[in-house]
Amino acid sequence: MNINFIKPLTLLALTAVFMSAACSNIKTKSITPEGRLDVLGPSTQFDNDEQSSDWVMVGKSAANNIKTNPIAGIPGIGLTSADDALLAVRRVEAMVLATPYLSWAWNMTDHGDGLHPVRIIIGFKKLGEETNDNFFSLARIGLRASDLPQHSRALSIVWGDSALGRGSLRMAPPTEDGEVHAPLYMVRGGRENTNKWWMETVDLSDIYQKAWPSESQRDVAISFIGIAASPERPGHRGRISGIVLSR
C-alpha cells in the first residue's frame, strides 16, 4: 500500500552510523544490542577504498551514478543504470535467524518490460566454511563474485514489470560451465506503482528457506547488504532509503 513516508522514514532513523571492526583495517557494520543494524541512511558517504571502509563500491561510473538524491522531500540514495554494472554494498555481521527482517523504502522509475535494473543484493555465508570455491554468481547484474565480500549464497531483491509477480522467487539452473546464479525475489512491480515511495519489509530467513530448503540456517550469517544496477538497461533510475536489518 502507498503510505505517507515522512513519519515512517523518520521512525526508521535513516542516518547510518559507521562502526569499525576492532581488530581489522576492514570495517564491518554490526548489530546493536537492541537487535538492529542501520545499513543505509540518507547521509551515508561511499568510500572507494574498500580496505579502510565498510563499503565496497564497484563500477567505473559508480561515483557519478550512485549518490545522495532526495525526491518528494525524502532523502535517499539514487542509482542510474549505466553501461557497466554498478554496486555499493556494506560489509555486515549478523546472523540470519537473529535479525531476519530487512526493511527499506524505494521509489522506482518506469522501466518498461522485464525487471528494473536497480535492486537490493544480500550475501550470506556459513560460519567456519570456506567460501572461495562456493560463490554464487551475480552475473545477472554483470558482476563477478570476486568483486564482493566473501559469501557462499547471494540473493537479489527486485522490482518487476507487473504487480502480479509480487512474492515470487526465481531460481536459475547452473550454466553449462557450472556457474550458479543468485536467485531473484520480486517484492513489488507494476507501472502503476512507479514514481512513488513504497515501504517494504521481507523475512530473509523465510526467503532463504524457500531458496535452499535442505539447508540449516543455524550457522548462516549475512555478510553484506547493498544496492546495485545491472548494465543491460542503461538510463533507468531507482532511489532507495533507510535499509534496516532487525529482529
C-alpha atoms as a PDB file:
ATOM      1  CA  MET A   1       0.000   0.000   0.000  1.00  0.00           C
ATOM      2  CA  ASN A   2       1.091   3.564  -0.617  1.00  0.00           C
ATOM      3  CA  ILE A   3       1.790   5.461   2.585  1.00  0.00           C
ATOM      4  CA  ASN A   4       2.860   8.848   3.884  1.00  0.00           C
ATOM      5  CA  PHE A   5       6.620   8.406   4.192  1.00  0.00           C
ATOM      6  CA  ILE A   6       7.624  11.442   6.182  1.00  0.00           C
ATOM      7  CA  LYS A   7       6.710   9.867   9.535  1.00  0.00           C
ATOM      8  CA  PRO A   8       7.643   6.214   8.799  1.00  0.00           C
ATOM      9  CA  LEU A   9      11.045   7.130   7.439  1.00  0.00           C
ATOM     10  CA  THR A  10      11.681   9.368  10.416  1.00  0.00           C
ATOM     11  CA  LEU A  11      10.838   6.466  12.693  1.00  0.00           C
ATOM     12  CA  LEU A  12      13.378   4.344  10.821  1.00  0.00           C
ATOM     13  CA  ALA A  13      16.156   6.728  11.943  1.00  0.00           C
ATOM     14  CA  LEU A  14      17.642   6.851   8.482  1.00  0.00           C
ATOM     15  CA  THR A  15      21.064   8.266   9.372  1.00  0.00           C
ATOM     16  CA  ALA A  16      23.521   5.350   9.227  1.00  0.00           C
ATOM     17  CA  VAL A  17      26.257   5.196  11.873  1.00  0.00           C
ATOM     18  CA  PHE A  18      29.625   3.797  10.787  1.00  0.00           C
ATOM     19  CA  MET A  19      31.228   1.251  13.127  1.00  0.00           C
ATOM     20  CA  SER A  20      34.598  -0.423  12.596  1.00  0.00           C
ATOM     21  CA  ALA A  21      35.677  -3.945  13.407  1.00  0.00           C
ATOM     22  CA  ALA A  22      38.012  -3.759  16.391  1.00  0.00           C
ATOM     23  CA  CYS A  23      40.762  -5.999  15.074  1.00  0.00           C
ATOM     24  CA  SER A  24      40.861  -5.307  11.346  1.00  0.00           C
ATOM     25  CA  ASN A  25      41.519  -2.500   8.886  1.00  0.00           C
ATOM     26  CA  ILE A  26      38.411  -3.658   7.045  1.00  0.00           C
ATOM     27  CA  LYS A  27      35.402  -2.270   8.794  1.00  0.00           C
ATOM     28  CA  THR A  28      32.218  -4.238   9.348  1.00  0.00           C
ATOM     29  CA  LYS A  29      28.843  -2.934  10.478  1.00  0.00           C
ATOM     30  CA  SER A  30      27.433  -4.930  13.415  1.00  0.00           C
ATOM     31  CA  ILE A  31      24.019  -5.131  15.012  1.00  0.00           C
ATOM     32  CA  THR A  32      23.253  -3.142  18.167  1.00  0.00           C
ATOM     33  CA  PRO A  33      22.373  -4.823  21.481  1.00  0.00           C
ATOM     34  CA  GLU A  34      18.747  -3.990  20.643  1.00  0.00           C
ATOM     35  CA  GLY A  35      18.971  -6.207  17.550  1.00  0.00           C
ATOM     36  CA  ARG A  36      19.069  -3.501  14.895  1.00  0.00           C
ATOM     37  CA  LEU A  37      21.501  -2.621  12.134  1.00  0.00           C
ATOM     38  CA  ASP A  38      21.105   0.573  10.079  1.00  0.00           C
ATOM     39  CA  VAL A  39      22.669  -0.384   6.758  1.00  0.00           C
ATOM     40  CA  LEU A  40      21.930   2.626   4.569  1.00  0.00           C
ATOM     41  CA  GLY A  41      20.849   6.117   5.550  1.00  0.00           C
ATOM     42  CA  PRO A  42      20.446   9.299   3.513  1.00  0.00           C
ATOM     43  CA  SER A  43      23.716  10.880   4.694  1.00  0.00           C
ATOM     44  CA  THR A  44      25.945   7.858   4.044  1.00  0.00           C
ATOM     45  CA  GLN A  45      29.133   8.731   2.157  1.00  0.00           C
ATOM     46  CA  PHE A  46      30.523   5.964  -0.022  1.00  0.00           C
ATOM     47  CA  ASP A  47      34.251   5.277   0.077  1.00  0.00           C
ATOM     48  CA  ASN A  48      36.017   3.631  -2.848  1.00  0.00           C
ATOM     49  CA  ASP A  49      38.852   2.432  -0.620  1.00  0.00           C
ATOM     50  CA  GLU A  50      37.449  -0.913   0.447  1.00  0.00           C
ATOM     51  CA  GLN A  51      40.434  -1.549   2.714  1.00  0.00           C
ATOM     52  CA  SER A  52      39.553   1.342   5.010  1.00  0.00           C
ATOM     53  CA  SER A  53      35.777   1.381   4.724  1.00  0.00           C
ATOM     54  CA  ASP A  54      32.923  -0.971   5.473  1.00  0.00           C
ATOM     55  CA  TRP A  55      31.585  -0.147   1.991  1.00  0.00           C
ATOM     56  CA  VAL A  56      32.637  -1.905  -1.209  1.00  0.00           C
ATOM     57  CA  MET A  57      31.931   0.066  -4.374  1.00  0.00           C
ATOM     58  CA  VAL A  58      32.199  -1.425  -7.878  1.00  0.00           C
ATOM     59  CA  GLY A  59      31.756   0.139 -11.319  1.00  0.00           C
ATOM     60  CA  LYS A  60      33.801   2.633 -13.333  1.00  0.00           C
ATOM     61  CA  SER A  61      30.867   5.058 -13.408  1.00  0.00           C
ATOM     62  CA  ALA A  62      29.727   4.391  -9.842  1.00  0.00           C
ATOM     63  CA  ALA A  63      30.924   7.733  -8.500  1.00  0.00           C
ATOM     64  CA  ASN A  64      28.696   9.564 -10.989  1.00  0.00           C
ATOM     65  CA  ASN A  65      25.689   7.254 -10.809  1.00  0.00           C
ATOM     66  CA  ILE A  66      25.383   6.375  -7.106  1.00  0.00           C
ATOM     67  CA  LYS A  67      24.802   9.429  -4.957  1.00  0.00           C
ATOM     68  CA  THR A  68      22.528  11.046  -2.383  1.00  0.00           C
ATOM     69  CA  ASN A  69      19.381  12.082  -4.204  1.00  0.00           C
ATOM     70  CA  PRO A  70      16.225  13.270  -2.386  1.00  0.00           C
ATOM     71  CA  ILE A  71      12.836  13.146  -4.078  1.00  0.00           C
ATOM     72  CA  ALA A  72       9.413  14.221  -2.817  1.00  0.00           C
ATOM     73  CA  GLY A  73      11.084  15.510   0.339  1.00  0.00           C
ATOM     74  CA  ILE A  74      12.525  12.094   1.213  1.00  0.00           C
ATOM     75  CA  PRO A  75      16.325  11.685   1.283  1.00  0.00           C
ATOM     76  CA  GLY A  76      17.748   8.588  -0.295  1.00  0.00           C
ATOM     77  CA  ILE A  77      20.487   7.130  -2.456  1.00  0.00           C
ATOM     78  CA  GLY A  78      19.814   7.345  -6.182  1.00  0.00           C
ATOM     79  CA  LEU A  79      21.186   4.896  -8.750  1.00  0.00           C
ATOM     80  CA  THR A  80      21.077   5.359 -12.508  1.00  0.00           C
ATOM     81  CA  SER A  81      21.880   2.252 -14.519  1.00  0.00           C
ATOM     82  CA  ALA A  82      24.813   2.645 -16.906  1.00  0.00           C
ATOM     83  CA  ASP A  83      26.719   0.639 -19.498  1.00  0.00           C
ATOM     84  CA  ASP A  84      28.671  -1.003 -16.686  1.00  0.00           C
ATOM     85  CA  ALA A  85      27.407  -2.764 -13.584  1.00  0.00           C
ATOM     86  CA  LEU A  86      27.168  -0.554 -10.503  1.00  0.00           C
ATOM     87  CA  LEU A  87      27.256  -1.738  -6.927  1.00  0.00           C
ATOM     88  CA  ALA A  88      27.730  -0.430  -3.409  1.00  0.00           C
ATOM     89  CA  VAL A  89      27.484  -2.987  -0.576  1.00  0.00           C
ATOM     90  CA  ARG A  90      28.179  -2.711   3.111  1.00  0.00           C
ATOM     91  CA  ARG A  91      30.025  -5.412   4.998  1.00  0.00           C
ATOM     92  CA  VAL A  92      27.849  -6.532   7.881  1.00  0.00           C
ATOM     93  CA  GLU A  93      27.943  -9.094  10.674  1.00  0.00           C
ATOM     94  CA  ALA A  94      24.543 -10.520  11.531  1.00  0.00           C
ATOM     95  CA  MET A  95      23.023 -13.977  11.911  1.00  0.00           C
ATOM     96  CA  VAL A  96      20.009 -14.653   9.715  1.00  0.00           C
ATOM     97  CA  LEU A  97      17.932 -16.207  12.492  1.00  0.00           C
ATOM     98  CA  ALA A  98      18.783 -13.397  14.940  1.00  0.00           C
ATOM     99  CA  THR A  99      17.961 -10.481  12.618  1.00  0.00           C
ATOM    100  CA  PRO A 100      15.832 -11.828   9.767  1.00  0.00           C
ATOM    101  CA  TYR A 101      13.799  -8.729   8.871  1.00  0.00           C
ATOM    102  CA  LEU A 102      15.066  -6.410   6.155  1.00  0.00           C
ATOM    103  CA  SER A 103      13.187  -3.112   5.720  1.00  0.00           C
ATOM    104  CA  TRP A 104      13.655  -0.245   3.274  1.00  0.00           C
ATOM    105  CA  ALA A 105      11.818   2.279   1.095  1.00  0.00           C
ATOM    106  CA  TRP A 106      12.206   2.676  -2.641  1.00  0.00           C
ATOM    107  CA  ASN A 107      10.975   4.915  -5.444  1.00  0.00           C
ATOM    108  CA  MET A 108      11.496   3.495  -8.948  1.00  0.00           C
ATOM    109  CA  THR A 109      11.109   4.993 -12.396  1.00  0.00           C
ATOM    110  CA  ASP A 110       9.035   3.265 -15.081  1.00  0.00           C
ATOM    111  CA  HIS A 111      11.477   0.876 -16.767  1.00  0.00           C
ATOM    112  CA  GLY A 112       9.074  -0.852 -19.155  1.00  0.00           C
ATOM    113  CA  ASP A 113       9.155  -4.640 -19.597  1.00  0.00           C
ATOM    114  CA  GLY A 114      11.207  -7.058 -17.536  1.00  0.00           C
ATOM    115  CA  LEU A 115      12.992  -6.358 -14.282  1.00  0.00           C
ATOM    116  CA  HIS A 116      14.074  -2.922 -13.148  1.00  0.00           C
ATOM    117  CA  PRO A 117      17.888  -2.720 -13.325  1.00  0.00           C
ATOM    118  CA  VAL A 118      18.130  -1.278  -9.792  1.00  0.00           C
ATOM    119  CA  ARG A 119      17.884  -3.809  -6.990  1.00  0.00           C
ATOM    120  CA  ILE A 120      18.990  -4.723  -3.461  1.00  0.00           C
ATOM    121  CA  ILE A 121      21.510  -7.533  -3.032  1.00  0.00           C
ATOM    122  CA  ILE A 122      22.327  -9.620   0.032  1.00  0.00           C
ATOM    123  CA  GLY A 123      25.217 -12.012   0.606  1.00  0.00           C
ATOM    124  CA  PHE A 124      25.204 -14.960   3.035  1.00  0.00           C
ATOM    125  CA  LYS A 125      27.951 -17.180   4.362  1.00  0.00           C
ATOM    126  CA  LYS A 126      28.161 -20.181   6.662  1.00  0.00           C
ATOM    127  CA  LEU A 127      30.368 -19.582   9.655  1.00  0.00           C
ATOM    128  CA  GLY A 128      33.510 -21.679   9.565  1.00  0.00           C
ATOM    129  CA  GLU A 129      33.029 -22.618   5.912  1.00  0.00           C
ATOM    130  CA  GLU A 130      35.475 -21.761   3.164  1.00  0.00           C
ATOM    131  CA  THR A 131      33.640 -19.621   0.613  1.00  0.00           C
ATOM    132  CA  ASN A 132      36.219 -19.075  -2.125  1.00  0.00           C
ATOM    133  CA  ASP A 133      35.053 -22.083  -4.137  1.00  0.00           C
ATOM    134  CA  ASN A 134      31.347 -21.692  -3.397  1.00  0.00           C
ATOM    135  CA  PHE A 135      30.487 -18.234  -4.666  1.00  0.00           C
ATOM    136  CA  PHE A 136      27.032 -17.647  -6.042  1.00  0.00           C
ATOM    137  CA  SER A 137      27.332 -15.542  -9.162  1.00  0.00           C
ATOM    138  CA  LEU A 138      25.583 -12.199  -9.542  1.00  0.00           C
ATOM    139  CA  ALA A 139      26.275 -12.376 -13.275  1.00  0.00           C
ATOM    140  CA  ARG A 140      22.757 -11.172 -13.966  1.00  0.00           C
ATOM    141  CA  ILE A 141      24.000  -7.750 -12.964  1.00  0.00           C
ATOM    142  CA  GLY A 142      27.356  -8.151 -14.671  1.00  0.00           C
ATOM    143  CA  LEU A 143      29.438  -8.701 -11.537  1.00  0.00           C
ATOM    144  CA  ARG A 144      31.914 -11.355 -10.531  1.00  0.00           C
ATOM    145  CA  ALA A 145      31.688 -12.895  -7.111  1.00  0.00           C
ATOM    146  CA  SER A 146      35.301 -11.879  -6.501  1.00  0.00           C
ATOM    147  CA  ASP A 147      34.193  -8.232  -6.622  1.00  0.00           C
ATOM    148  CA  LEU A 148      32.257  -8.735  -3.382  1.00  0.00           C
ATOM    149  CA  PRO A 149      32.921  -9.612   0.257  1.00  0.00           C
ATOM    150  CA  GLN A 150      33.131 -13.368   0.832  1.00  0.00           C
ATOM    151  CA  HIS A 151      29.836 -15.211   0.569  1.00  0.00           C
ATOM    152  CA  SER A 152      28.528 -18.664  -0.272  1.00  0.00           C
ATOM    153  CA  ARG A 153      24.993 -17.615  -1.198  1.00  0.00           C
ATOM    154  CA  ALA A 154      23.563 -14.422  -2.658  1.00  0.00           C
ATOM    155  CA  LEU A 155      20.090 -13.030  -3.268  1.00  0.00           C
ATOM    156  CA  SER A 156      18.764 -10.196  -5.433  1.00  0.00           C
ATOM    157  CA  ILE A 157      15.592  -8.370  -4.370  1.00  0.00           C
ATOM    158  CA  VAL A 158      13.992  -6.903  -7.471  1.00  0.00           C
ATOM    159  CA  TRP A 159      11.170  -4.746  -8.865  1.00  0.00           C
ATOM    160  CA  GLY A 160       9.251  -6.337 -11.747  1.00  0.00           C
ATOM    161  CA  ASP A 161       7.136  -5.061 -14.601  1.00  0.00           C
ATOM    162  CA  SER A 162       3.894  -6.354 -13.058  1.00  0.00           C
ATOM    163  CA  ALA A 163       2.477  -6.183  -9.562  1.00  0.00           C
ATOM    164  CA  LEU A 164       1.218  -9.759 -10.043  1.00  0.00           C
ATOM    165  CA  GLY A 165       4.720 -11.142  -9.574  1.00  0.00           C
ATOM    166  CA  ARG A 166       4.994  -9.923  -6.013  1.00  0.00           C
ATOM    167  CA  GLY A 167       6.381 -12.577  -3.675  1.00  0.00           C
ATOM    168  CA  SER A 168       7.745 -14.796  -6.458  1.00  0.00           C
ATOM    169  CA  LEU A 169      11.166 -16.426  -6.264  1.00  0.00           C
ATOM    170  CA  ARG A 170      13.111 -17.306  -9.401  1.00  0.00           C
ATOM    171  CA  MET A 171      15.812 -19.944  -9.199  1.00  0.00           C
ATOM    172  CA  ALA A 172      18.115 -20.220 -12.198  1.00  0.00           C
ATOM    173  CA  PRO A 173      19.721 -23.556 -13.164  1.00  0.00           C
ATOM    174  CA  PRO A 174      23.533 -23.704 -13.394  1.00  0.00           C
ATOM    175  CA  THR A 175      25.045 -22.600 -16.692  1.00  0.00           C
ATOM    176  CA  GLU A 176      26.930 -25.027 -18.958  1.00  0.00           C
ATOM    177  CA  ASP A 177      30.210 -24.056 -17.310  1.00  0.00           C
ATOM    178  CA  GLY A 178      28.770 -24.732 -13.853  1.00  0.00           C
ATOM    179  CA  GLU A 179      28.194 -21.136 -12.802  1.00  0.00           C
ATOM    180  CA  VAL A 180      25.281 -20.802 -10.370  1.00  0.00           C
ATOM    181  CA  HIS A 181      23.309 -17.570 -10.467  1.00  0.00           C
ATOM    182  CA  ALA A 182      21.817 -15.996  -7.366  1.00  0.00           C
ATOM    183  CA  PRO A 183      18.019 -16.288  -7.096  1.00  0.00           C
ATOM    184  CA  LEU A 184      15.731 -13.310  -7.656  1.00  0.00           C
ATOM    185  CA  TYR A 185      12.975 -12.406  -5.196  1.00  0.00           C
ATOM    186  CA  MET A 186      10.375  -9.995  -6.565  1.00  0.00           C
ATOM    187  CA  VAL A 187       8.923  -7.703  -3.908  1.00  0.00           C
ATOM    188  CA  ARG A 188       6.970  -5.201  -5.987  1.00  0.00           C
ATOM    189  CA  GLY A 189       6.336  -4.113  -9.567  1.00  0.00           C
ATOM    190  CA  GLY A 190       3.938  -2.521 -11.999  1.00  0.00           C
ATOM    191  CA  ARG A 191       3.970   0.772 -13.851  1.00  0.00           C
ATOM    192  CA  GLU A 192       1.104   1.972 -11.671  1.00  0.00           C
ATOM    193  CA  ASN A 193       3.441   1.784  -8.670  1.00  0.00           C
ATOM    194  CA  THR A 194       6.387   3.672 -10.130  1.00  0.00           C
ATOM    195  CA  ASN A 195       7.469   7.184  -9.083  1.00  0.00           C
ATOM    196  CA  LYS A 196       6.042   6.703  -5.581  1.00  0.00           C
ATOM    197  CA  TRP A 197       7.707   5.861  -2.296  1.00  0.00           C
ATOM    198  CA  TRP A 198       6.908   2.369  -1.034  1.00  0.00           C
ATOM    199  CA  MET A 199       7.849   0.863   2.290  1.00  0.00           C
ATOM    200  CA  GLU A 200       8.891  -2.811   2.293  1.00  0.00           C
ATOM    201  CA  THR A 201       9.800  -5.499   4.821  1.00  0.00           C
ATOM    202  CA  VAL A 202      10.865  -9.046   3.962  1.00  0.00           C
ATOM    203  CA  ASP A 203      11.810 -12.013   6.107  1.00  0.00           C
ATOM    204  CA  LEU A 204      15.239 -13.130   4.870  1.00  0.00           C
ATOM    205  CA  SER A 205      15.016 -16.333   6.891  1.00  0.00           C
ATOM    206  CA  ASP A 206      11.802 -17.282   5.090  1.00  0.00           C
ATOM    207  CA  ILE A 207      13.244 -16.454   1.650  1.00  0.00           C
ATOM    208  CA  TYR A 208      16.432 -18.392   2.425  1.00  0.00           C
ATOM    209  CA  GLN A 209      14.354 -21.421   3.444  1.00  0.00           C
ATOM    210  CA  LYS A 210      12.428 -21.279   0.164  1.00  0.00           C
ATOM    211  CA  ALA A 211      15.558 -20.860  -1.928  1.00  0.00           C
ATOM    212  CA  TRP A 212      17.627 -23.552  -0.171  1.00  0.00           C
ATOM    213  CA  PRO A 213      15.130 -25.765   1.681  1.00  0.00           C
ATOM    214  CA  SER A 214      17.612 -28.510   2.557  1.00  0.00           C
ATOM    215  CA  GLU A 215      19.990 -26.191   4.412  1.00  0.00           C
ATOM    216  CA  SER A 216      20.020 -25.357   8.102  1.00  0.00           C
ATOM    217  CA  GLN A 217      20.187 -21.645   8.886  1.00  0.00           C
ATOM    218  CA  ARG A 218      21.620 -22.122  12.349  1.00  0.00           C
ATOM    219  CA  ASP A 219      25.108 -21.002  11.337  1.00  0.00           C
ATOM    220  CA  VAL A 220      24.212 -18.762   8.358  1.00  0.00           C
ATOM    221  CA  ALA A 221      25.379 -15.156   8.616  1.00  0.00           C
ATOM    222  CA  ILE A 222      24.613 -12.124   6.461  1.00  0.00           C
ATOM    223  CA  SER A 223      27.940 -10.884   5.089  1.00  0.00           C
ATOM    224  CA  PHE A 224      26.842  -7.898   3.012  1.00  0.00           C
ATOM    225  CA  ILE A 225      23.787  -5.853   2.062  1.00  0.00           C
ATOM    226  CA  GLY A 226      23.741  -3.229  -0.652  1.00  0.00           C
ATOM    227  CA  ILE A 227      22.369  -1.719  -3.818  1.00  0.00           C
ATOM    228  CA  ALA A 228      23.181  -2.449  -7.450  1.00  0.00           C
ATOM    229  CA  ALA A 229      22.180  -1.652 -11.011  1.00  0.00           C
ATOM    230  CA  SER A 230      22.511  -4.074 -13.912  1.00  0.00           C
ATOM    231  CA  PRO A 231      24.044  -2.820 -17.186  1.00  0.00           C
ATOM    232  CA  GLU A 232      21.548  -4.241 -19.677  1.00  0.00           C
ATOM    233  CA  ARG A 233      19.185  -1.285 -19.412  1.00  0.00           C
ATOM    234  CA  PRO A 234      21.128   1.964 -19.020  1.00  0.00           C
ATOM    235  CA  GLY A 235      19.404   5.208 -18.075  1.00  0.00           C
ATOM    236  CA  HIS A 236      16.812   3.858 -15.603  1.00  0.00           C
ATOM    237  CA  ARG A 237      16.753   5.268 -12.096  1.00  0.00           C
ATOM    238  CA  GLY A 238      15.833   4.000  -8.678  1.00  0.00           C
ATOM    239  CA  ARG A 239      16.038   5.612  -5.243  1.00  0.00           C
ATOM    240  CA  ILE A 240      16.446   3.639  -2.049  1.00  0.00           C
ATOM    241  CA  SER A 241      16.351   4.868   1.536  1.00  0.00           C
ATOM    242  CA  GLY A 242      16.534   3.519   5.047  1.00  0.00           C
ATOM    243  CA  ILE A 243      17.780  -0.064   4.667  1.00  0.00           C
ATOM    244  CA  VAL A 244      17.455  -1.580   8.152  1.00  0.00           C
ATOM    245  CA  LEU A 245      18.075  -5.105   9.434  1.00  0.00           C
ATOM    246  CA  SER A 246      16.214  -6.076  12.619  1.00  0.00           C
ATOM    247  CA  ARG A 247      14.855  -8.947  14.669  1.00  0.00           C
END
